[in-house]
Amino acid sequence: MYRPVTDLAAEARSEYMSRYAENNEGKIDGVEYYERAEDGFSVSTIDILDEKGARAVGKPCGRYITLSFSDISVMASEDFSRLCTLLSHLIRELCDHIAKGAKSVLVCGLGNECLSADAFGRKTAKNVIVTRHLKEEANDVFTSAGFFDVCAFYPDVSAHTGLDSSRLLLSAVKEAKPDVIIAADALCARGAERICKTVQLCTAGISPGSGVGNAKGAINAQSMGVPVIALGVPTVIDAATLARDIAGEKTAEDVCGSFFVCPKDIDLLTDKLALLSGFALNRAFHGGISLEEMMFI
């Protein structure tokens, strides 16, 4: 049976609800769902509590936070600033949820920067202000600035290196010994309306390439030995899913094969989203710094 492709827990839950809600009285066993509006944006939280809930939704156990917003390419600077602040709060809250008292963070940017639709993770990591070297070389400056111990790592894809990103990251983790890892990567969405208009944070980790049928080694607490927060933005949609939604073509998966579709201005959108996520990470762990200051660092 054809199943739409998505990396987003909010979409997987909605898909399940559309098929089984009537029999389950609008609830999914083992899954808790909350939704709220905050500062003009939509925030939903899904807690997958056990294996029954994980099987129903098709996602590993953990907390999934979905932040939805309008077209970031035409967003006013005031709205961008509010969105960045909200995302920074969500990141810090989730960090405190899984690694209370954490003082050091390793930000890992995943993906292929040669492909605009897959460049989000690496570009996000490059927008992060790293401070680990300050702690090692000028501890007085580090302490007085009130910075977190932050380092960034962006391994290239295995097609370029012959090495799996998760294994490279594990080596970096052994060197840096962070309290928490934040892995940023591009995702695949079920609905076209979510493309480049959603940020998903989750504590279940990530399997790079899984959304486009090219899954590599999982990056999660079990494989890394450190709590992991996955930070993802959907940049593509499965062509067969899009064709079925538009034309209702039952054989769309046969016609479209394994194609994935992205917006025509994906390069601009990826840059904006990487700026948003990188700046939000900076605000989460270097709280005293302003957006204006970050623009000049």
C-alpha atoms as a PDB file:
ATOM      1  CA  MET A   1       0.000   0.000   0.000  1.00  0.00           C
ATOM      2  CA  TYR A   2       1.264   3.453  -0.902  1.00  0.00           C
ATOM      3  CA  ARG A   3       2.341   5.533   2.113  1.00  0.00           C
ATOM      4  CA  PRO A   4       3.284   9.214   1.762  1.00  0.00           C
ATOM      5  CA  VAL A   5       6.892  10.046   2.661  1.00  0.00           C
ATOM      6  CA  THR A   6       7.545  12.463   5.539  1.00  0.00           C
ATOM      7  CA  ASP A   7      10.177  13.195   8.165  1.00  0.00           C
ATOM      8  CA  LEU A   8       7.744  15.323  10.199  1.00  0.00           C
ATOM      9  CA  ALA A   9       6.106  13.750  13.240  1.00  0.00           C
ATOM     10  CA  ALA A  10       3.222  16.252  13.049  1.00  0.00           C
ATOM     11  CA  GLU A  11       2.378  15.032   9.544  1.00  0.00           C
ATOM     12  CA  ALA A  12       2.783  11.361  10.488  1.00  0.00           C
ATOM     13  CA  ARG A  13       0.390  11.880  13.385  1.00  0.00           C
ATOM     14  CA  SER A  14      -2.142  13.642  11.141  1.00  0.00           C
ATOM     15  CA  GLU A  15      -1.903  10.810   8.599  1.00  0.00           C
ATOM     16  CA  TYR A  16      -2.578   8.256  11.311  1.00  0.00           C
ATOM     17  CA  MET A  17      -5.450  10.302  12.713  1.00  0.00           C
ATOM     18  CA  SER A  18      -7.088  10.610   9.302  1.00  0.00           C
ATOM     19  CA  ARG A  19      -7.101   6.820   8.956  1.00  0.00           C
ATOM     20  CA  TYR A  20      -7.808   5.622  12.482  1.00  0.00           C
ATOM     21  CA  ALA A  21      -9.168   8.510  14.582  1.00  0.00           C
ATOM     22  CA  GLU A  22     -12.750   7.294  14.326  1.00  0.00           C
ATOM     23  CA  ASN A  23     -11.875   3.972  15.933  1.00  0.00           C
ATOM     24  CA  ASN A  24      -9.676   5.598  18.573  1.00  0.00           C
ATOM     25  CA  GLU A  25     -12.052   8.414  19.520  1.00  0.00           C
ATOM     26  CA  GLY A  26      -9.651  11.077  18.303  1.00  0.00           C
ATOM     27  CA  LYS A  27      -6.669   9.855  20.352  1.00  0.00           C
ATOM     28  CA  ILE A  28      -3.623   7.688  19.757  1.00  0.00           C
ATOM     29  CA  ASP A  29      -2.543   5.344  22.533  1.00  0.00           C
ATOM     30  CA  GLY A  30       0.974   6.160  23.666  1.00  0.00           C
ATOM     31  CA  VAL A  31       0.964   9.633  22.089  1.00  0.00           C
ATOM     32  CA  GLU A  32       0.297  13.019  23.693  1.00  0.00           C
ATOM     33  CA  TYR A  33      -0.353  16.076  21.534  1.00  0.00           C
ATOM     34  CA  TYR A  34      -0.433  19.778  22.392  1.00  0.00           C
ATOM     35  CA  GLU A  35      -0.862  22.751  20.108  1.00  0.00           C
ATOM     36  CA  ARG A  36      -0.695  26.464  20.827  1.00  0.00           C
ATOM     37  CA  ALA A  37      -0.275  29.831  19.187  1.00  0.00           C
ATOM     38  CA  GLU A  38       2.671  31.846  20.450  1.00  0.00           C
ATOM     39  CA  ASP A  39       3.667  35.329  19.353  1.00  0.00           C
ATOM     40  CA  GLY A  40       1.774  34.909  16.086  1.00  0.00           C
ATOM     41  CA  PHE A  41       3.272  31.505  15.227  1.00  0.00           C
ATOM     42  CA  SER A  42       1.997  27.937  15.617  1.00  0.00           C
ATOM     43  CA  VAL A  43       3.779  25.505  17.940  1.00  0.00           C
ATOM     44  CA  SER A  44       2.786  21.864  18.373  1.00  0.00           C
ATOM     45  CA  THR A  45       4.347  19.271  20.674  1.00  0.00           C
ATOM     46  CA  ILE A  46       4.057  15.519  20.217  1.00  0.00           C
ATOM     47  CA  ASP A  47       5.323  13.163  22.925  1.00  0.00           C
ATOM     48  CA  ILE A  48       5.627   9.577  21.690  1.00  0.00           C
ATOM     49  CA  LEU A  49       5.686   7.746  24.988  1.00  0.00           C
ATOM     50  CA  ASP A  50       6.012   4.051  24.166  1.00  0.00           C
ATOM     51  CA  GLU A  51       6.428   1.469  21.426  1.00  0.00           C
ATOM     52  CA  LYS A  52       2.677   1.351  20.751  1.00  0.00           C
ATOM     53  CA  GLY A  53       2.681   5.054  19.990  1.00  0.00           C
ATOM     54  CA  ALA A  54       5.881   4.716  17.962  1.00  0.00           C
ATOM     55  CA  ARG A  55       4.339   1.999  15.784  1.00  0.00           C
ATOM     56  CA  ALA A  56       1.176   4.027  15.244  1.00  0.00           C
ATOM     57  CA  VAL A  57       2.928   7.232  14.185  1.00  0.00           C
ATOM     58  CA  GLY A  58       5.916   5.538  12.580  1.00  0.00           C
ATOM     59  CA  LYS A  59       8.460   7.605  14.520  1.00  0.00           C
ATOM     60  CA  PRO A  60      10.790   6.681  17.425  1.00  0.00           C
ATOM     61  CA  CYS A  61       9.870   7.535  21.007  1.00  0.00           C
ATOM     62  CA  GLY A  62      10.718  11.078  22.007  1.00  0.00           C
ATOM     63  CA  ARG A  63       9.478  14.663  22.000  1.00  0.00           C
ATOM     64  CA  TYR A  64       8.798  16.391  18.686  1.00  0.00           C
ATOM     65  CA  ILE A  65       8.235  20.153  18.545  1.00  0.00           C
ATOM     66  CA  THR A  66       6.963  21.677  15.301  1.00  0.00           C
ATOM     67  CA  LEU A  67       7.184  25.432  14.704  1.00  0.00           C
ATOM     68  CA  SER A  68       5.179  26.691  11.709  1.00  0.00           C
ATOM     69  CA  PHE A  69       5.419  30.106  10.048  1.00  0.00           C
ATOM     70  CA  SER A  70       4.759  31.970   6.801  1.00  0.00           C
ATOM     71  CA  ASP A  71       7.062  32.484   3.803  1.00  0.00           C
ATOM     72  CA  ILE A  72      10.408  33.465   5.312  1.00  0.00           C
ATOM     73  CA  SER A  73      11.672  34.972   2.039  1.00  0.00           C
ATOM     74  CA  VAL A  74       9.251  37.902   2.371  1.00  0.00           C
ATOM     75  CA  MET A  75       9.074  38.036   6.163  1.00  0.00           C
ATOM     76  CA  ALA A  76       9.504  41.473   7.748  1.00  0.00           C
ATOM     77  CA  SER A  77      12.600  41.931   9.890  1.00  0.00           C
ATOM     78  CA  GLU A  78      10.475  42.350  13.041  1.00  0.00           C
ATOM     79  CA  ASP A  79       8.700  39.053  12.373  1.00  0.00           C
ATOM     80  CA  PHE A  80      12.014  37.318  11.638  1.00  0.00           C
ATOM     81  CA  SER A  81      13.385  38.567  14.946  1.00  0.00           C
ATOM     82  CA  ARG A  82      10.328  37.309  16.867  1.00  0.00           C
ATOM     83  CA  LEU A  83      10.523  33.937  15.094  1.00  0.00           C
ATOM     84  CA  CYS A  84      14.221  33.654  15.884  1.00  0.00           C
ATOM     85  CA  THR A  85      13.610  34.450  19.560  1.00  0.00           C
ATOM     86  CA  LEU A  86      10.792  31.902  19.804  1.00  0.00           C
ATOM     87  CA  LEU A  87      12.901  29.197  18.150  1.00  0.00           C
ATOM     88  CA  SER A  88      15.780  29.948  20.521  1.00  0.00           C
ATOM     89  CA  HIS A  89      13.475  29.473  23.502  1.00  0.00           C
ATOM     90  CA  LEU A  90      12.191  26.159  22.128  1.00  0.00           C
ATOM     91  CA  ILE A  91      15.746  24.936  21.553  1.00  0.00           C
ATOM     92  CA  ARG A  92      16.850  25.865  25.067  1.00  0.00           C
ATOM     93  CA  GLU A  93      13.735  24.353  26.657  1.00  0.00           C
ATOM     94  CA  LEU A  94      14.280  21.075  24.804  1.00  0.00           C
ATOM     95  CA  CYS A  95      17.954  21.100  25.771  1.00  0.00           C
ATOM     96  CA  ASP A  96      17.014  21.543  29.425  1.00  0.00           C
ATOM     97  CA  HIS A  97      14.443  18.745  29.016  1.00  0.00           C
ATOM     98  CA  ILE A  98      16.986  16.123  27.924  1.00  0.00           C
ATOM     99  CA  ALA A  99      20.252  17.482  29.359  1.00  0.00           C
ATOM    100  CA  LYS A 100      19.480  19.691  32.347  1.00  0.00           C
ATOM    101  CA  GLY A 101      22.512  21.654  33.454  1.00  0.00           C
ATOM    102  CA  ALA A 102      24.282  21.225  30.108  1.00  0.00           C
ATOM    103  CA  LYS A 103      27.157  23.640  29.551  1.00  0.00           C
ATOM    104  CA  SER A 104      28.654  22.437  26.281  1.00  0.00           C
ATOM    105  CA  VAL A 105      27.094  21.864  22.867  1.00  0.00           C
ATOM    106  CA  LEU A 106      28.328  20.345  19.628  1.00  0.00           C
ATOM    107  CA  VAL A 107      26.361  21.568  16.595  1.00  0.00           C
ATOM    108  CA  CYS A 108      26.607  19.163  13.667  1.00  0.00           C
ATOM    109  CA  GLY A 109      25.600  20.387  10.205  1.00  0.00           C
ATOM    110  CA  LEU A 110      24.586  17.492   7.959  1.00  0.00           C
ATOM    111  CA  GLY A 111      23.985  17.424   4.220  1.00  0.00           C
ATOM    112  CA  ASN A 112      25.520  18.311   0.872  1.00  0.00           C
ATOM    113  CA  GLU A 113      26.243  22.004   0.412  1.00  0.00           C
ATOM    114  CA  CYS A 114      26.564  21.478  -3.355  1.00  0.00           C
ATOM    115  CA  LEU A 115      22.796  20.826  -3.498  1.00  0.00           C
ATOM    116  CA  SER A 116      20.667  23.779  -2.408  1.00  0.00           C
ATOM    117  CA  ALA A 117      17.856  21.549  -1.109  1.00  0.00           C
ATOM    118  CA  ASP A 118      20.333  19.631   1.070  1.00  0.00           C
ATOM    119  CA  ALA A 119      22.527  22.522   2.237  1.00  0.00           C
ATOM    120  CA  PHE A 120      20.468  23.624   5.247  1.00  0.00           C
ATOM    121  CA  GLY A 121      22.378  21.679   7.903  1.00  0.00           C
ATOM    122  CA  ARG A 122      25.892  22.697   6.897  1.00  0.00           C
ATOM    123  CA  LYS A 123      24.882  26.340   6.388  1.00  0.00           C
ATOM    124  CA  THR A 124      23.221  26.387   9.810  1.00  0.00           C
ATOM    125  CA  ALA A 125      26.393  25.140  11.496  1.00  0.00           C
ATOM    126  CA  LYS A 126      28.418  27.837   9.721  1.00  0.00           C
ATOM    127  CA  ASN A 127      26.139  30.512  11.218  1.00  0.00           C
ATOM    128  CA  VAL A 128      26.818  29.315  14.759  1.00  0.00           C
ATOM    129  CA  ILE A 129      29.212  31.317  16.947  1.00  0.00           C
ATOM    130  CA  VAL A 130      31.775  28.826  18.224  1.00  0.00           C
ATOM    131  CA  THR A 131      33.385  29.524  21.585  1.00  0.00           C
ATOM    132  CA  ARG A 132      35.219  26.355  22.594  1.00  0.00           C
ATOM    133  CA  HIS A 133      38.556  27.850  21.514  1.00  0.00           C
ATOM    134  CA  LEU A 134      37.935  30.866  23.778  1.00  0.00           C
ATOM    135  CA  LYS A 135      37.450  28.590  26.748  1.00  0.00           C
ATOM    136  CA  GLU A 136      40.704  26.786  25.988  1.00  0.00           C
ATOM    137  CA  GLU A 137      42.805  29.830  25.042  1.00  0.00           C
ATOM    138  CA  ALA A 138      41.250  32.755  26.954  1.00  0.00           C
ATOM    139  CA  ASN A 139      39.131  31.419  29.765  1.00  0.00           C
ATOM    140  CA  ASP A 140      38.748  34.853  31.421  1.00  0.00           C
ATOM    141  CA  VAL A 141      37.180  36.282  28.248  1.00  0.00           C
ATOM    142  CA  PHE A 142      34.966  33.219  27.895  1.00  0.00           C
ATOM    143  CA  THR A 143      33.756  33.411  31.494  1.00  0.00           C
ATOM    144  CA  SER A 144      33.095  37.156  31.484  1.00  0.00           C
ATOM    145  CA  ALA A 145      31.120  36.947  28.215  1.00  0.00           C
ATOM    146  CA  GLY A 146      28.724  34.374  29.669  1.00  0.00           C
ATOM    147  CA  PHE A 147      28.997  32.118  26.627  1.00  0.00           C
ATOM    148  CA  PHE A 148      28.170  28.427  26.401  1.00  0.00           C
ATOM    149  CA  ASP A 149      30.974  26.072  25.342  1.00  0.00           C
ATOM    150  CA  VAL A 150      29.937  25.625  21.676  1.00  0.00           C
ATOM    151  CA  CYS A 151      31.752  23.905  18.848  1.00  0.00           C
ATOM    152  CA  ALA A 152      30.579  23.161  15.307  1.00  0.00           C
ATOM    153  CA  PHE A 153      31.239  20.246  12.985  1.00  0.00           C
ATOM    154  CA  TYR A 154      30.016  19.739   9.447  1.00  0.00           C
ATOM    155  CA  PRO A 155      31.144  16.461   7.888  1.00  0.00           C
ATOM    156  CA  ASP A 156      30.721  16.113   4.142  1.00  0.00           C
ATOM    157  CA  VAL A 157      28.432  13.435   2.701  1.00  0.00           C
ATOM    158  CA  SER A 158      29.728   9.912   2.210  1.00  0.00           C
ATOM    159  CA  ALA A 159      29.486  10.268  -1.594  1.00  0.00           C
ATOM    160  CA  HIS A 160      32.329  12.804  -1.332  1.00  0.00           C
ATOM    161  CA  THR A 161      34.366  11.249   1.471  1.00  0.00           C
ATOM    162  CA  GLY A 162      33.580   7.534   1.448  1.00  0.00           C
ATOM    163  CA  LEU A 163      32.992   7.842   5.191  1.00  0.00           C
ATOM    164  CA  ASP A 164      29.673   7.755   7.043  1.00  0.00           C
ATOM    165  CA  SER A 165      28.732  11.079   8.676  1.00  0.00           C
ATOM    166  CA  SER A 166      27.637   9.382  11.888  1.00  0.00           C
ATOM    167  CA  ARG A 167      31.045   7.758  12.337  1.00  0.00           C
ATOM    168  CA  LEU A 168      32.821  11.042  11.687  1.00  0.00           C
ATOM    169  CA  LEU A 169      30.547  12.742  14.213  1.00  0.00           C
ATOM    170  CA  LEU A 170      31.258  10.048  16.786  1.00  0.00           C
ATOM    171  CA  SER A 171      34.965  10.839  16.477  1.00  0.00           C
ATOM    172  CA  ALA A 172      34.229  14.542  17.040  1.00  0.00           C
ATOM    173  CA  VAL A 173      32.092  13.690  20.070  1.00  0.00           C
ATOM    174  CA  LYS A 174      34.922  11.683  21.614  1.00  0.00           C
ATOM    175  CA  GLU A 175      37.228  14.695  21.182  1.00  0.00           C
ATOM    176  CA  ALA A 176      34.815  17.471  22.266  1.00  0.00           C
ATOM    177  CA  LYS A 177      32.894  15.527  24.943  1.00  0.00           C
ATOM    178  CA  PRO A 178      29.796  17.761  24.697  1.00  0.00           C
ATOM    179  CA  ASP A 179      26.847  17.576  27.070  1.00  0.00           C
ATOM    180  CA  VAL A 180      24.431  17.617  24.132  1.00  0.00           C
ATOM    181  CA  ILE A 181      24.560  17.327  20.328  1.00  0.00           C
ATOM    182  CA  ILE A 182      22.358  19.367  18.005  1.00  0.00           C
ATOM    183  CA  ALA A 183      22.199  17.814  14.537  1.00  0.00           C
ATOM    184  CA  ALA A 184      20.813  20.073  11.795  1.00  0.00           C
ATOM    185  CA  ASP A 185      19.611  18.601   8.506  1.00  0.00           C
ATOM    186  CA  ALA A 186      17.148  19.063   5.645  1.00  0.00           C
ATOM    187  CA  LEU A 187      13.959  16.983   5.796  1.00  0.00           C
ATOM    188  CA  CYS A 188      11.218  15.698   3.509  1.00  0.00           C
ATOM    189  CA  ALA A 189       7.599  16.812   4.040  1.00  0.00           C
ATOM    190  CA  ARG A 190       4.244  15.203   3.256  1.00  0.00           C
ATOM    191  CA  GLY A 191       2.436  18.469   2.465  1.00  0.00           C
ATOM    192  CA  ALA A 192       3.668  21.144   0.064  1.00  0.00           C
ATOM    193  CA  GLU A 193       2.379  23.841   2.429  1.00  0.00           C
ATOM    194  CA  ARG A 194       5.078  22.868   4.961  1.00  0.00           C
ATOM    195  CA  ILE A 195       8.053  23.144   2.614  1.00  0.00           C
ATOM    196  CA  CYS A 196      10.485  25.729   4.050  1.00  0.00           C
ATOM    197  CA  LYS A 197       7.753  26.902   6.461  1.00  0.00           C
ATOM    198  CA  THR A 198       8.383  24.512   9.334  1.00  0.00           C
ATOM    199  CA  VAL A 199      11.138  23.762  11.832  1.00  0.00           C
ATOM    200  CA  GLN A 200      11.045  20.439  13.668  1.00  0.00           C
ATOM    201  CA  LEU A 201      12.991  19.826  16.868  1.00  0.00           C
ATOM    202  CA  CYS A 202      13.086  16.334  18.314  1.00  0.00           C
ATOM    203  CA  THR A 203      14.889  14.292  20.957  1.00  0.00           C
ATOM    204  CA  ALA A 204      14.792  11.034  18.986  1.00  0.00           C
ATOM    205  CA  GLY A 205      17.779  11.912  16.820  1.00  0.00           C
ATOM    206  CA  ILE A 206      17.980  11.610  13.056  1.00  0.00           C
ATOM    207  CA  SER A 207      18.975   9.192  10.287  1.00  0.00           C
ATOM    208  CA  PRO A 208      20.579  11.333   7.561  1.00  0.00           C
ATOM    209  CA  GLY A 209      19.051  10.699   4.129  1.00  0.00           C
ATOM    210  CA  SER A 210      16.113   8.653   5.431  1.00  0.00           C
ATOM    211  CA  GLY A 211      13.523  11.053   3.977  1.00  0.00           C
ATOM    212  CA  VAL A 212      14.759  10.447   0.425  1.00  0.00           C
ATOM    213  CA  GLY A 213      15.286   6.717   0.790  1.00  0.00           C
ATOM    214  CA  ASN A 214      19.047   6.879   1.400  1.00  0.00           C
ATOM    215  CA  ALA A 215      19.311   6.352   5.142  1.00  0.00           C
ATOM    216  CA  LYS A 216      22.765   6.302   6.737  1.00  0.00           C
ATOM    217  CA  GLY A 217      23.890   5.596  10.283  1.00  0.00           C
ATOM    218  CA  ALA A 218      21.524   6.916  12.935  1.00  0.00           C
ATOM    219  CA  ILE A 219      22.586   9.887  15.038  1.00  0.00           C
ATOM    220  CA  ASN A 220      20.876   9.520  18.410  1.00  0.00           C
ATOM    221  CA  ALA A 221      21.622   9.163  22.110  1.00  0.00           C
ATOM    222  CA  GLN A 222      22.209   5.421  21.755  1.00  0.00           C
ATOM    223  CA  SER A 223      24.761   5.697  18.938  1.00  0.00           C
ATOM    224  CA  MET A 224      26.531   8.816  20.232  1.00  0.00           C
ATOM    225  CA  GLY A 225      26.411   8.221  23.985  1.00  0.00           C
ATOM    226  CA  VAL A 226      25.224  11.837  24.372  1.00  0.00           C
ATOM    227  CA  PRO A 227      21.685  13.342  24.256  1.00  0.00           C
ATOM    228  CA  VAL A 228      20.814  14.472  20.728  1.00  0.00           C
ATOM    229  CA  ILE A 229      18.422  17.153  19.480  1.00  0.00           C
ATOM    230  CA  ALA A 230      17.624  16.986  15.775  1.00  0.00           C
ATOM    231  CA  LEU A 231      16.851  20.340  14.167  1.00  0.00           C
ATOM    232  CA  GLY A 232      15.313  19.959  10.726  1.00  0.00           C
ATOM    233  CA  VAL A 233      13.554  21.959   8.035  1.00  0.00           C
ATOM    234  CA  PRO A 234      11.600  20.273   5.200  1.00  0.00           C
ATOM    235  CA  THR A 235      12.991  21.421   1.861  1.00  0.00           C
ATOM    236  CA  VAL A 236      11.621  18.729  -0.478  1.00  0.00           C
ATOM    237  CA  ILE A 237       8.465  16.712  -1.093  1.00  0.00           C
ATOM    238  CA  ASP A 238       8.128  13.306  -2.732  1.00  0.00           C
ATOM    239  CA  ALA A 239       6.914  13.861  -6.322  1.00  0.00           C
ATOM    240  CA  ALA A 240       4.480  10.934  -6.155  1.00  0.00           C
ATOM    241  CA  THR A 241       2.846  12.394  -3.045  1.00  0.00           C
ATOM    242  CA  LEU A 242       2.562  15.806  -4.672  1.00  0.00           C
ATOM    243  CA  ALA A 243       1.066  14.313  -7.844  1.00  0.00           C
ATOM    244  CA  ARG A 244      -1.538  12.364  -5.865  1.00  0.00           C
ATOM    245  CA  ASP A 245      -2.524  15.470  -3.910  1.00  0.00           C
ATOM    246  CA  ILE A 246      -2.924  17.553  -7.066  1.00  0.00           C
ATOM    247  CA  ALA A 247      -4.379  15.079  -9.548  1.00  0.00           C
ATOM    248  CA  GLY A 248      -5.469  12.134  -7.449  1.00  0.00           C
ATOM    249  CA  GLU A 249      -3.377   9.857  -9.654  1.00  0.00           C
ATOM    250  CA  LYS A 250      -3.439   6.390  -8.124  1.00  0.00           C
ATOM    251  CA  THR A 251      -0.372   5.272 -10.025  1.00  0.00           C
ATOM    252  CA  ALA A 252       1.603   8.435  -9.340  1.00  0.00           C
ATOM    253  CA  GLU A 253       4.340   6.487  -7.573  1.00  0.00           C
ATOM    254  CA  ASP A 254       4.908   4.462 -10.749  1.00  0.00           C
ATOM    255  CA  VAL A 255       4.942   7.559 -12.972  1.00  0.00           C
ATOM    256  CA  CYS A 256       7.094   9.772 -10.736  1.00  0.00           C
ATOM    257  CA  GLY A 257       9.451   7.102  -9.497  1.00  0.00           C
ATOM    258  CA  SER A 258      11.902   8.373  -6.872  1.00  0.00           C
ATOM    259  CA  PHE A 259      11.810  12.067  -7.775  1.00  0.00           C
ATOM    260  CA  PHE A 260      11.770  14.768  -5.102  1.00  0.00           C
ATOM    261  CA  VAL A 261      10.608  18.346  -5.678  1.00  0.00           C
ATOM    262  CA  CYS A 262      11.758  21.627  -4.115  1.00  0.00           C
ATOM    263  CA  PRO A 263      10.771  25.306  -4.596  1.00  0.00           C
ATOM    264  CA  LYS A 264      12.403  27.188  -7.480  1.00  0.00           C
ATOM    265  CA  ASP A 265      13.965  29.687  -5.046  1.00  0.00           C
ATOM    266  CA  ILE A 266      15.330  26.978  -2.745  1.00  0.00           C
ATOM    267  CA  ASP A 267      18.793  28.584  -2.636  1.00  0.00           C
ATOM    268  CA  LEU A 268      17.380  31.820  -1.162  1.00  0.00           C
ATOM    269  CA  LEU A 269      15.079  29.937   1.197  1.00  0.00           C
ATOM    270  CA  THR A 270      17.872  27.684   2.450  1.00  0.00           C
ATOM    271  CA  ASP A 271      20.083  30.694   3.193  1.00  0.00           C
ATOM    272  CA  LYS A 272      17.259  32.401   5.136  1.00  0.00           C
ATOM    273  CA  LEU A 273      16.369  29.263   7.086  1.00  0.00           C
ATOM    274  CA  ALA A 274      20.008  28.548   7.928  1.00  0.00           C
ATOM    275  CA  LEU A 275      20.345  32.131   9.148  1.00  0.00           C
ATOM    276  CA  LEU A 276      17.216  31.714  11.287  1.00  0.00           C
ATOM    277  CA  SER A 277      18.386  28.428  12.815  1.00  0.00           C
ATOM    278  CA  GLY A 278      21.989  29.481  13.311  1.00  0.00           C
ATOM    279  CA  PHE A 279      20.982  32.744  14.957  1.00  0.00           C
ATOM    280  CA  ALA A 280      18.407  30.933  17.122  1.00  0.00           C
ATOM    281  CA  LEU A 281      21.132  28.562  18.334  1.00  0.00           C
ATOM    282  CA  ASN A 282      23.302  31.569  19.156  1.00  0.00           C
ATOM    283  CA  ARG A 283      20.460  33.188  21.099  1.00  0.00           C
ATOM    284  CA  ALA A 284      19.768  29.914  22.914  1.00  0.00           C
ATOM    285  CA  PHE A 285      23.352  29.465  24.130  1.00  0.00           C
ATOM    286  CA  HIS A 286      24.774  32.996  24.006  1.00  0.00           C
ATOM    287  CA  GLY A 287      21.649  34.783  25.246  1.00  0.00           C
ATOM    288  CA  GLY A 288      23.096  38.263  25.582  1.00  0.00           C
ATOM    289  CA  ILE A 289      23.956  38.678  21.912  1.00  0.00           C
ATOM    290  CA  SER A 290      21.603  40.539  19.582  1.00  0.00           C
ATOM    291  CA  LEU A 291      20.664  39.746  15.998  1.00  0.00           C
ATOM    292  CA  GLU A 292      22.401  42.920  14.871  1.00  0.00           C
ATOM    293  CA  GLU A 293      25.637  41.851  16.557  1.00  0.00           C
ATOM    294  CA  MET A 294      25.421  38.389  15.013  1.00  0.00           C
ATOM    295  CA  MET A 295      25.180  39.897  11.538  1.00  0.00           C
ATOM    296  CA  PHE A 296      28.658  41.377  11.930  1.00  0.00           C
ATOM    297  CA  ILE A 297      30.434  38.415  13.494  1.00  0.00           C
END
